[in-house]
Amino acid sequence: MHSYLNHTFSTEDFDLVSVIDELPLWSAPFGLDLLDMVKLKPNIMALDISCGLGFPLIELANRLGNSSKVFGIDPWKKATERVNLKIKTLDIKNAEVINGVAEKLPFDNNYFELVVSNNGVNNLNSMKLAFSECYRVIKSGAQFVITFNLKDTMIEFYDIFFDILRTNRLFSEIEKMKNQIYLKRKPLSEVESILKESGFTIRNIKYNKFNISFLDGTTMFNHSLIKYWFLDGWKKILKSEDLVRIFEQIENRINDIAKKKGEFYLTIPYITIDSIKECVILNSNIKLFK
């Protein structure tokens, strides 16, 4: 019971140093709201869909303790290798990560008491198929908690992008931009509809947002979050011959705004949904699960 009292570690351990303080700027706000909405219980099986680099999977495993087991699944092989290093280095006994997709979960029916996904549902190939699979593997009465950012994410940038595309009469690119936003950030009403069609009952929806500030447009485009996770998608909207010209205009516009206001910020609105797989009560003696 008191084995934790025997725990020792060295601050010279390279692997420990490499994993001990790694909470991504992007996923942290979403994940903290998700964790607040999760109802912690002992002796459960839990699953983190599209677990990425391991948050909140590892934190959830820590909070639930060794009476429970938390699985993570993600198609990104290098990411799951990284999560496994964290699990091993932090000596977490109740977490396991596998490569796979949410649309085809390698688990039995009615296996989990809790399923979560932290800003991963917008990256699914098929939200309908993934939610159907989640419904299959989740037990009656179990929680399904998801977070995702909304279509007005980074609206300050997209308004500028739209205006510059319109000024340059790049109307087909405007449509490409709108389609990209839709594919990555489904409307809340659509996600609600798919959840309900899959059989889940929504109990709570929480709206929140956070801002990311930059000194100016130049620093924004060179920020690691933007360079690695957003810039490539923005570049694909444009033809190669227009790329430098349009981005110079965008960068200059943002720099002008930042010069007047002292900074340039992006707003990230997001939703946390708490849903449940409920049972249908036919009469006082008989219950059939949905």
Protein backbone atom coordinates (compact mmCIF):
# COMPACT_ATOMS: atom_id res chain seq x y z
CA MET A 1 0.00 0.00 0.00
CA HIS A 2 2.86 2.38 0.79
CA SER A 3 5.17 1.39 -2.07
CA TYR A 4 5.26 5.02 -3.21
CA LEU A 5 7.38 5.75 -0.13
CA ASN A 6 10.16 3.69 -1.71
CA HIS A 7 10.16 5.77 -4.88
CA THR A 8 13.46 7.41 -5.82
CA PHE A 9 14.61 9.26 -8.89
CA SER A 10 17.56 11.19 -10.25
CA THR A 11 17.36 14.60 -11.87
CA GLU A 12 20.31 13.46 -13.98
CA ASP A 13 18.17 10.79 -15.70
CA PHE A 14 18.00 11.98 -19.32
CA ASP A 15 14.75 10.16 -20.12
CA LEU A 16 13.07 11.64 -17.05
CA VAL A 17 14.21 15.14 -17.93
CA SER A 18 12.90 14.67 -21.45
CA VAL A 19 9.35 13.77 -20.39
CA ILE A 20 8.69 15.28 -16.98
CA ASP A 21 7.60 18.75 -18.09
CA GLU A 22 5.88 18.39 -21.42
CA LEU A 23 2.32 19.70 -21.52
CA PRO A 24 1.58 21.14 -24.97
CA LEU A 25 0.30 24.69 -25.21
CA TRP A 26 -2.42 23.58 -27.62
CA SER A 27 -3.92 20.56 -25.89
CA ALA A 28 -3.69 21.73 -22.27
CA PRO A 29 -6.77 24.00 -22.07
CA PHE A 30 -8.99 21.43 -23.78
CA GLY A 31 -7.67 18.58 -21.65
CA LEU A 32 -8.04 20.39 -18.34
CA ASP A 33 -11.73 21.00 -19.04
CA LEU A 34 -12.11 17.36 -20.09
CA LEU A 35 -10.53 16.15 -16.85
CA ASP A 36 -12.82 18.41 -14.83
CA MET A 37 -15.84 16.78 -16.47
CA VAL A 38 -14.72 13.17 -15.97
CA LYS A 39 -16.29 11.36 -13.02
CA LEU A 40 -13.46 9.43 -11.37
CA LYS A 41 -14.33 5.90 -10.23
CA PRO A 42 -12.22 2.94 -9.06
CA ASN A 43 -11.83 -0.35 -10.91
CA ILE A 44 -12.69 0.87 -14.39
CA MET A 45 -11.40 0.43 -17.93
CA ALA A 46 -10.90 3.70 -19.78
CA LEU A 47 -9.95 4.64 -23.34
CA ASP A 48 -8.42 7.80 -24.83
CA ILE A 49 -9.30 8.13 -28.52
CA SER A 50 -6.65 9.84 -30.70
CA CYS A 51 -4.38 10.09 -27.67
CA GLY A 52 -1.56 11.80 -29.57
CA LEU A 53 1.45 12.43 -27.36
CA GLY A 54 -0.29 11.26 -24.22
CA PHE A 55 -2.32 14.07 -22.70
CA PRO A 56 -4.68 13.58 -20.97
CA LEU A 57 -4.13 9.79 -21.13
CA ILE A 58 -1.19 9.77 -18.69
CA GLU A 59 -2.82 12.27 -16.36
CA LEU A 60 -6.03 10.24 -16.37
CA ALA A 61 -4.10 7.07 -15.53
CA ASN A 62 -2.40 8.88 -12.66
CA ARG A 63 -5.70 10.19 -11.30
CA LEU A 64 -7.53 6.87 -11.54
CA GLY A 65 -4.78 4.83 -9.92
CA ASN A 66 -3.79 1.21 -10.34
CA SER A 67 -7.22 -0.25 -9.71
CA SER A 68 -8.09 1.00 -13.21
CA LYS A 69 -6.54 0.60 -16.65
CA VAL A 70 -6.34 3.33 -19.30
CA PHE A 71 -5.78 2.51 -22.95
CA GLY A 72 -4.79 4.98 -25.61
CA ILE A 73 -5.15 4.55 -29.35
CA ASP A 74 -3.71 6.67 -32.15
CA PRO A 75 -2.65 6.01 -35.77
CA TRP A 76 0.51 8.13 -35.37
CA LYS A 77 3.19 5.50 -34.69
CA LYS A 78 5.98 7.84 -33.62
CA ALA A 79 3.64 9.52 -31.17
CA THR A 80 2.63 6.23 -29.56
CA GLU A 81 6.32 5.33 -29.26
CA ARG A 82 6.86 8.60 -27.43
CA VAL A 83 3.91 7.94 -25.11
CA ASN A 84 5.27 4.50 -24.31
CA LEU A 85 8.58 6.10 -23.35
CA LYS A 86 6.73 8.45 -21.00
CA ILE A 87 4.77 5.58 -19.47
CA LYS A 88 7.93 3.56 -18.89
CA THR A 89 10.00 6.46 -17.61
CA LEU A 90 7.31 7.72 -15.24
CA ASP A 91 6.72 4.14 -14.03
CA ILE A 92 3.00 4.20 -14.81
CA LYS A 93 1.61 0.70 -14.39
CA ASN A 94 -1.99 1.22 -15.54
CA ALA A 95 -1.62 2.70 -19.02
CA GLU A 96 -1.15 1.08 -22.41
CA VAL A 97 -0.98 2.65 -25.86
CA ILE A 98 -1.60 0.98 -29.20
CA ASN A 99 -1.54 1.99 -32.84
CA GLY A 100 -4.95 2.01 -34.43
CA VAL A 101 -7.89 4.10 -35.51
CA ALA A 102 -11.10 5.05 -33.76
CA GLU A 103 -13.12 3.83 -36.71
CA LYS A 104 -12.05 0.23 -35.98
CA LEU A 105 -11.42 -0.27 -32.28
CA PRO A 106 -9.68 -3.55 -31.31
CA PHE A 107 -11.79 -4.07 -28.18
CA ASP A 108 -14.77 -6.23 -27.22
CA ASN A 109 -18.30 -4.92 -26.91
CA ASN A 110 -19.20 -3.21 -23.61
CA TYR A 111 -15.55 -3.09 -22.53
CA PHE A 112 -15.08 0.43 -21.14
CA GLU A 113 -16.63 2.45 -18.33
CA LEU A 114 -15.08 5.67 -19.69
CA VAL A 115 -14.07 6.90 -23.15
CA VAL A 116 -12.52 10.32 -23.79
CA SER A 117 -11.07 12.22 -26.72
CA ASN A 118 -9.20 15.48 -26.28
CA ASN A 119 -9.57 17.58 -29.42
CA GLY A 120 -9.17 14.47 -31.54
CA VAL A 121 -12.61 14.07 -33.10
CA ASN A 122 -11.99 16.78 -35.72
CA ASN A 123 -9.15 14.67 -37.13
CA LEU A 124 -11.14 11.46 -37.52
CA ASN A 125 -11.65 10.09 -41.02
CA SER A 126 -15.27 9.31 -40.16
CA MET A 127 -16.83 10.79 -37.04
CA LYS A 128 -19.98 8.70 -37.58
CA LEU A 129 -18.07 5.43 -37.74
CA ALA A 130 -15.82 6.36 -34.81
CA PHE A 131 -18.75 7.33 -32.56
CA SER A 132 -20.52 4.13 -33.53
CA GLU A 133 -17.43 2.16 -32.50
CA CYS A 134 -17.23 4.07 -29.22
CA TYR A 135 -20.85 3.21 -28.54
CA ARG A 136 -20.10 -0.47 -29.23
CA VAL A 137 -17.17 -0.72 -26.81
CA ILE A 138 -18.66 1.38 -24.03
CA LYS A 139 -20.80 -0.06 -21.26
CA SER A 140 -24.28 1.14 -20.43
CA GLY A 141 -24.11 4.03 -18.00
CA ALA A 142 -20.56 4.93 -19.01
CA GLN A 143 -19.26 8.39 -19.84
CA PHE A 144 -18.10 9.56 -23.24
CA VAL A 145 -16.36 12.95 -22.92
CA ILE A 146 -14.95 14.86 -25.90
CA THR A 147 -13.45 18.27 -26.57
CA PHE A 148 -13.05 20.02 -29.91
CA ASN A 149 -12.34 23.52 -31.16
CA LEU A 150 -15.02 25.40 -33.09
CA LYS A 151 -15.15 26.91 -36.58
CA ASP A 152 -14.28 30.41 -35.31
CA THR A 153 -10.90 29.16 -34.13
CA MET A 154 -8.26 31.75 -35.08
CA ILE A 155 -10.97 33.93 -36.61
CA GLU A 156 -8.64 36.95 -36.38
CA PHE A 157 -6.26 35.30 -38.84
CA TYR A 158 -8.95 33.90 -41.12
CA ASP A 159 -10.69 37.28 -41.43
CA ILE A 160 -7.43 38.76 -42.71
CA PHE A 161 -6.80 35.77 -44.97
CA PHE A 162 -10.31 36.08 -46.42
CA ASP A 163 -9.99 39.82 -47.04
CA ILE A 164 -6.64 39.48 -48.80
CA LEU A 165 -7.89 36.60 -50.96
CA ARG A 166 -10.92 38.69 -51.92
CA THR A 167 -8.77 41.75 -52.67
CA ASN A 168 -6.60 39.62 -54.95
CA ARG A 169 -9.73 38.13 -56.55
CA LEU A 170 -8.75 34.58 -55.54
CA PHE A 171 -12.33 33.42 -55.17
CA SER A 172 -11.72 29.69 -55.66
CA GLU A 173 -9.14 29.88 -52.87
CA ILE A 174 -11.77 31.43 -50.60
CA GLU A 175 -13.92 28.35 -51.15
CA LYS A 176 -10.94 26.11 -50.42
CA MET A 177 -10.35 27.97 -47.18
CA LYS A 178 -13.99 27.59 -46.13
CA ASN A 179 -13.91 23.88 -46.95
CA GLN A 180 -10.69 23.38 -44.99
CA ILE A 181 -12.25 25.02 -41.94
CA TYR A 182 -15.33 22.81 -42.21
CA LEU A 183 -13.33 19.59 -42.60
CA LYS A 184 -11.20 20.34 -39.54
CA ARG A 185 -13.82 22.00 -37.34
CA LYS A 186 -17.32 20.60 -37.66
CA PRO A 187 -20.22 22.73 -36.36
CA LEU A 188 -21.39 21.90 -32.85
CA SER A 189 -24.87 21.06 -34.16
CA GLU A 190 -23.41 18.43 -36.49
CA VAL A 191 -21.34 16.80 -33.73
CA GLU A 192 -24.39 16.77 -31.44
CA SER A 193 -26.45 15.14 -34.18
CA ILE A 194 -23.86 12.40 -34.82
CA LEU A 195 -23.57 11.70 -31.09
CA LYS A 196 -27.33 11.31 -30.76
CA GLU A 197 -27.60 9.20 -33.92
CA SER A 198 -24.89 6.94 -32.49
CA GLY A 199 -27.04 6.37 -29.39
CA PHE A 200 -25.44 8.70 -26.84
CA THR A 201 -27.38 11.04 -24.57
CA ILE A 202 -25.76 14.43 -24.09
CA ARG A 203 -25.78 15.53 -20.45
CA ASN A 204 -23.70 18.68 -20.51
CA ILE A 205 -22.06 21.02 -23.01
CA LYS A 206 -19.48 23.52 -21.77
CA TYR A 207 -18.22 26.40 -23.92
CA ASN A 208 -14.81 27.93 -23.25
CA LYS A 209 -12.03 29.77 -25.07
CA PHE A 210 -8.45 30.91 -24.71
CA ASN A 211 -6.20 33.35 -26.54
CA ILE A 212 -2.68 32.97 -27.89
CA SER A 213 -0.82 36.27 -28.24
CA PHE A 214 2.11 37.08 -30.52
CA LEU A 215 4.36 40.11 -30.80
CA ASP A 216 3.42 40.41 -34.48
CA GLY A 217 2.72 38.44 -37.65
CA THR A 218 6.34 37.52 -38.19
CA THR A 219 6.59 35.88 -34.79
CA MET A 220 3.22 34.19 -35.28
CA PHE A 221 4.26 32.48 -38.52
CA ASN A 222 7.54 31.38 -36.90
CA HIS A 223 5.89 30.04 -33.74
CA SER A 224 6.31 26.26 -33.48
CA LEU A 225 2.57 25.67 -32.96
CA ILE A 226 1.77 27.51 -36.20
CA LYS A 227 4.67 26.14 -38.24
CA TYR A 228 4.11 22.50 -37.40
CA TRP A 229 0.32 22.23 -37.12
CA PHE A 230 -1.36 24.99 -39.13
CA LEU A 231 0.91 26.59 -41.71
CA ASP A 232 1.02 23.61 -44.05
CA GLY A 233 -2.78 23.57 -44.33
CA TRP A 234 -2.89 27.30 -45.02
CA LYS A 235 -0.24 26.97 -47.73
CA LYS A 236 -2.25 24.26 -49.50
CA ILE A 237 -5.08 26.73 -50.06
CA LEU A 238 -2.90 28.74 -52.46
CA LYS A 239 -1.29 28.03 -55.80
CA SER A 240 2.49 27.93 -55.61
CA GLU A 241 2.86 31.08 -57.71
CA ASP A 242 0.70 33.04 -55.24
CA LEU A 243 2.22 31.72 -52.03
CA VAL A 244 4.92 34.32 -51.27
CA ARG A 245 2.86 37.29 -52.45
CA ILE A 246 -0.23 36.44 -50.41
CA PHE A 247 1.62 35.52 -47.25
CA GLU A 248 3.68 38.71 -47.43
CA GLN A 249 0.43 40.67 -47.54
CA ILE A 250 -1.01 38.71 -44.62
CA GLU A 251 2.15 39.09 -42.55
CA ASN A 252 2.33 42.83 -43.24
CA ARG A 253 -1.34 43.29 -42.33
CA ILE A 254 -0.88 41.47 -39.03
CA ASN A 255 2.30 43.42 -38.31
CA ASP A 256 0.40 46.68 -38.82
CA ILE A 257 -2.35 45.56 -36.43
CA ALA A 258 0.20 44.45 -33.84
CA LYS A 259 2.05 47.75 -34.10
CA LYS A 260 -1.14 49.67 -33.28
CA LYS A 261 -2.41 47.31 -30.54
CA GLY A 262 0.89 46.13 -29.08
CA GLU A 263 0.24 42.49 -30.01
CA PHE A 264 -1.75 40.17 -32.24
CA TYR A 265 -3.82 37.43 -30.70
CA LEU A 266 -5.78 34.42 -31.90
CA THR A 267 -8.94 33.27 -30.17
CA ILE A 268 -9.50 29.52 -29.70
CA PRO A 269 -13.15 28.74 -28.81
CA TYR A 270 -13.88 25.14 -27.89
CA ILE A 271 -16.51 22.80 -26.53
CA THR A 272 -16.49 20.01 -23.94
CA ILE A 273 -19.35 17.52 -24.25
CA ASP A 274 -20.29 15.03 -21.55
CA SER A 275 -22.46 12.23 -22.91
CA ILE A 276 -23.56 8.82 -21.67
CA LYS A 277 -24.73 5.48 -23.02
CA GLU A 278 -28.01 5.02 -21.23
CA CYS A 279 -30.41 2.10 -20.90
CA VAL A 280 -34.02 2.04 -22.00
CA ILE A 281 -36.45 1.11 -19.21
CA LEU A 282 -39.32 -0.91 -20.66
CA ASN A 283 -41.04 -1.55 -17.33
CA SER A 284 -40.23 -1.66 -13.65
CA ASN A 285 -38.69 -5.14 -13.88
CA ILE A 286 -37.00 -5.32 -17.26
CA LYS A 287 -34.21 -3.13 -18.67
CA LEU A 288 -32.76 -3.33 -22.14
CA PHE A 289 -29.55 -1.49 -22.97
CA LYS A 290 -29.45 0.75 -25.98
